[in-house]
């Protein structure tokens, strides 16, 4: 796999932040054009350090989880984390 991929996974039902329908409506209202899915697997919140919404998780080219950043992600944060895994 080459390039960068963006995927949204809603965990609102695991964090009492809303339902799948709430997430669908939010994505539609925001005009999101990237793939989005849902999970009811409890381990996702712990394994990927989901503490706040949104949380951005970074995976390397092999698909292995590397890090997560919560709310307030800046362009610099994104660039710093992506650079380390895209090299």
C-alpha atoms as a PDB file:
ATOM      1  CA  UNK A   1       0.000   0.000   0.000  1.00  0.00           C
ATOM      2  CA  UNK A   2       1.331   3.426  -0.862  1.00  0.00           C
ATOM      3  CA  UNK A   3       0.222   6.907   0.037  1.00  0.00           C
ATOM      4  CA  UNK A   4      -1.921   8.034   2.908  1.00  0.00           C
ATOM      5  CA  UNK A   5      -5.341   6.786   3.902  1.00  0.00           C
ATOM      6  CA  UNK A   6      -8.003   8.392   6.053  1.00  0.00           C
ATOM      7  CA  UNK A   7     -10.702   6.338   7.701  1.00  0.00           C
ATOM      8  CA  UNK A   8     -13.202   7.293  10.368  1.00  0.00           C
ATOM      9  CA  UNK A   9     -14.372   4.771  12.943  1.00  0.00           C
ATOM     10  CA  UNK A  10     -17.204   5.838  15.201  1.00  0.00           C
ATOM     11  CA  UNK A  11     -16.932   4.692  18.814  1.00  0.00           C
ATOM     12  CA  UNK A  12     -19.691   6.934  20.156  1.00  0.00           C
ATOM     13  CA  UNK A  13     -21.799   4.023  21.337  1.00  0.00           C
ATOM     14  CA  UNK A  14     -18.811   2.849  23.442  1.00  0.00           C
ATOM     15  CA  UNK A  15     -18.169   6.258  25.018  1.00  0.00           C
ATOM     16  CA  UNK A  16     -21.778   7.392  25.447  1.00  0.00           C
ATOM     17  CA  UNK A  17     -21.153  10.057  22.808  1.00  0.00           C
ATOM     18  CA  UNK A  18     -23.994   9.138  20.491  1.00  0.00           C
ATOM     19  CA  UNK A  19     -25.460   6.485  18.241  1.00  0.00           C
ATOM     20  CA  UNK A  20     -24.446   5.261  14.794  1.00  0.00           C
ATOM     21  CA  UNK A  21     -27.239   7.400  13.367  1.00  0.00           C
ATOM     22  CA  UNK A  22     -25.806  10.452  15.164  1.00  0.00           C
ATOM     23  CA  UNK A  23     -22.429   9.722  13.563  1.00  0.00           C
ATOM     24  CA  UNK A  24     -23.954   9.272  10.100  1.00  0.00           C
ATOM     25  CA  UNK A  25     -25.741  12.602  10.439  1.00  0.00           C
ATOM     26  CA  UNK A  26     -22.565  14.358  11.646  1.00  0.00           C
ATOM     27  CA  UNK A  27     -20.531  12.998   8.719  1.00  0.00           C
ATOM     28  CA  UNK A  28     -23.231  13.959   6.230  1.00  0.00           C
ATOM     29  CA  UNK A  29     -23.583  17.463   7.687  1.00  0.00           C
ATOM     30  CA  UNK A  30     -19.799  17.908   7.550  1.00  0.00           C
ATOM     31  CA  UNK A  31     -19.670  16.754   3.921  1.00  0.00           C
ATOM     32  CA  UNK A  32     -17.196  13.971   4.753  1.00  0.00           C
ATOM     33  CA  UNK A  33     -15.890  12.198   1.656  1.00  0.00           C
ATOM     34  CA  UNK A  34     -13.708   9.592   3.364  1.00  0.00           C
ATOM     35  CA  UNK A  35     -14.764   6.074   4.397  1.00  0.00           C
ATOM     36  CA  UNK A  36     -16.399   5.693   7.802  1.00  0.00           C
ATOM     37  CA  UNK A  37     -17.333   2.668   9.837  1.00  0.00           C
ATOM     38  CA  UNK A  38     -18.646   1.708  13.246  1.00  0.00           C
ATOM     39  CA  UNK A  39     -17.547  -0.667  15.959  1.00  0.00           C
ATOM     40  CA  UNK A  40     -18.986  -2.056  19.126  1.00  0.00           C
ATOM     41  CA  UNK A  41     -15.683  -3.734  20.083  1.00  0.00           C
ATOM     42  CA  UNK A  42     -14.711  -2.405  23.518  1.00  0.00           C
ATOM     43  CA  UNK A  43     -10.985  -2.978  22.959  1.00  0.00           C
ATOM     44  CA  UNK A  44     -10.820  -0.225  20.320  1.00  0.00           C
ATOM     45  CA  UNK A  45     -11.130   2.543  22.921  1.00  0.00           C
ATOM     46  CA  UNK A  46      -8.299   1.130  25.060  1.00  0.00           C
ATOM     47  CA  UNK A  47      -5.991  -0.258  22.376  1.00  0.00           C
ATOM     48  CA  UNK A  48      -6.005   2.941  20.322  1.00  0.00           C
ATOM     49  CA  UNK A  49      -5.991   5.391  23.258  1.00  0.00           C
ATOM     50  CA  UNK A  50      -9.352   6.965  22.449  1.00  0.00           C
ATOM     51  CA  UNK A  51      -9.880   9.479  25.224  1.00  0.00           C
ATOM     52  CA  UNK A  52     -11.474  12.406  23.459  1.00  0.00           C
ATOM     53  CA  UNK A  53     -13.335  12.937  20.229  1.00  0.00           C
ATOM     54  CA  UNK A  54     -11.966  13.134  17.745  1.00  0.00           C
ATOM     55  CA  UNK A  55      -8.897  10.968  18.286  1.00  0.00           C
ATOM     56  CA  UNK A  56      -6.473  10.459  15.411  1.00  0.00           C
ATOM     57  CA  UNK A  57      -4.671   7.118  15.354  1.00  0.00           C
ATOM     58  CA  UNK A  58      -1.561   6.640  13.238  1.00  0.00           C
ATOM     59  CA  UNK A  59      -0.665   3.344  11.563  1.00  0.00           C
ATOM     60  CA  UNK A  60       2.483   2.554   9.608  1.00  0.00           C
ATOM     61  CA  UNK A  61       2.639   1.210   6.053  1.00  0.00           C
ATOM     62  CA  UNK A  62       2.343  -2.326   7.380  1.00  0.00           C
ATOM     63  CA  UNK A  63      -0.912  -1.504   9.140  1.00  0.00           C
ATOM     64  CA  UNK A  64       0.577  -1.512  12.644  1.00  0.00           C
ATOM     65  CA  UNK A  65      -0.683   0.984  15.207  1.00  0.00           C
ATOM     66  CA  UNK A  66       1.965   3.552  16.216  1.00  0.00           C
ATOM     67  CA  UNK A  67       0.333   6.397  18.180  1.00  0.00           C
ATOM     68  CA  UNK A  68      -2.795   8.452  18.866  1.00  0.00           C
ATOM     69  CA  UNK A  69      -3.479  12.133  19.414  1.00  0.00           C
ATOM     70  CA  UNK A  70      -6.668  13.551  20.857  1.00  0.00           C
ATOM     71  CA  UNK A  71      -8.603  16.750  20.382  1.00  0.00           C
ATOM     72  CA  UNK A  72      -6.643  19.823  19.367  1.00  0.00           C
ATOM     73  CA  UNK A  73      -4.556  18.078  16.712  1.00  0.00           C
ATOM     74  CA  UNK A  74      -2.629  20.757  14.851  1.00  0.00           C
ATOM     75  CA  UNK A  75      -1.169  20.592  11.357  1.00  0.00           C
ATOM     76  CA  UNK A  76       2.265  20.345  12.982  1.00  0.00           C
ATOM     77  CA  UNK A  77       1.169  17.417  15.161  1.00  0.00           C
ATOM     78  CA  UNK A  78      -0.212  15.647  12.128  1.00  0.00           C
ATOM     79  CA  UNK A  79       2.939  16.259  10.103  1.00  0.00           C
ATOM     80  CA  UNK A  80       5.268  15.155  12.918  1.00  0.00           C
ATOM     81  CA  UNK A  81       3.409  11.898  13.538  1.00  0.00           C
ATOM     82  CA  UNK A  82       2.897  11.094   9.882  1.00  0.00           C
ATOM     83  CA  UNK A  83       6.522  11.804   8.964  1.00  0.00           C
ATOM     84  CA  UNK A  84       7.799   9.220  11.409  1.00  0.00           C
ATOM     85  CA  UNK A  85       5.682   6.419   9.982  1.00  0.00           C
ATOM     86  CA  UNK A  86       5.755   7.275   6.283  1.00  0.00           C
ATOM     87  CA  UNK A  87       9.519   7.227   5.900  1.00  0.00           C
END
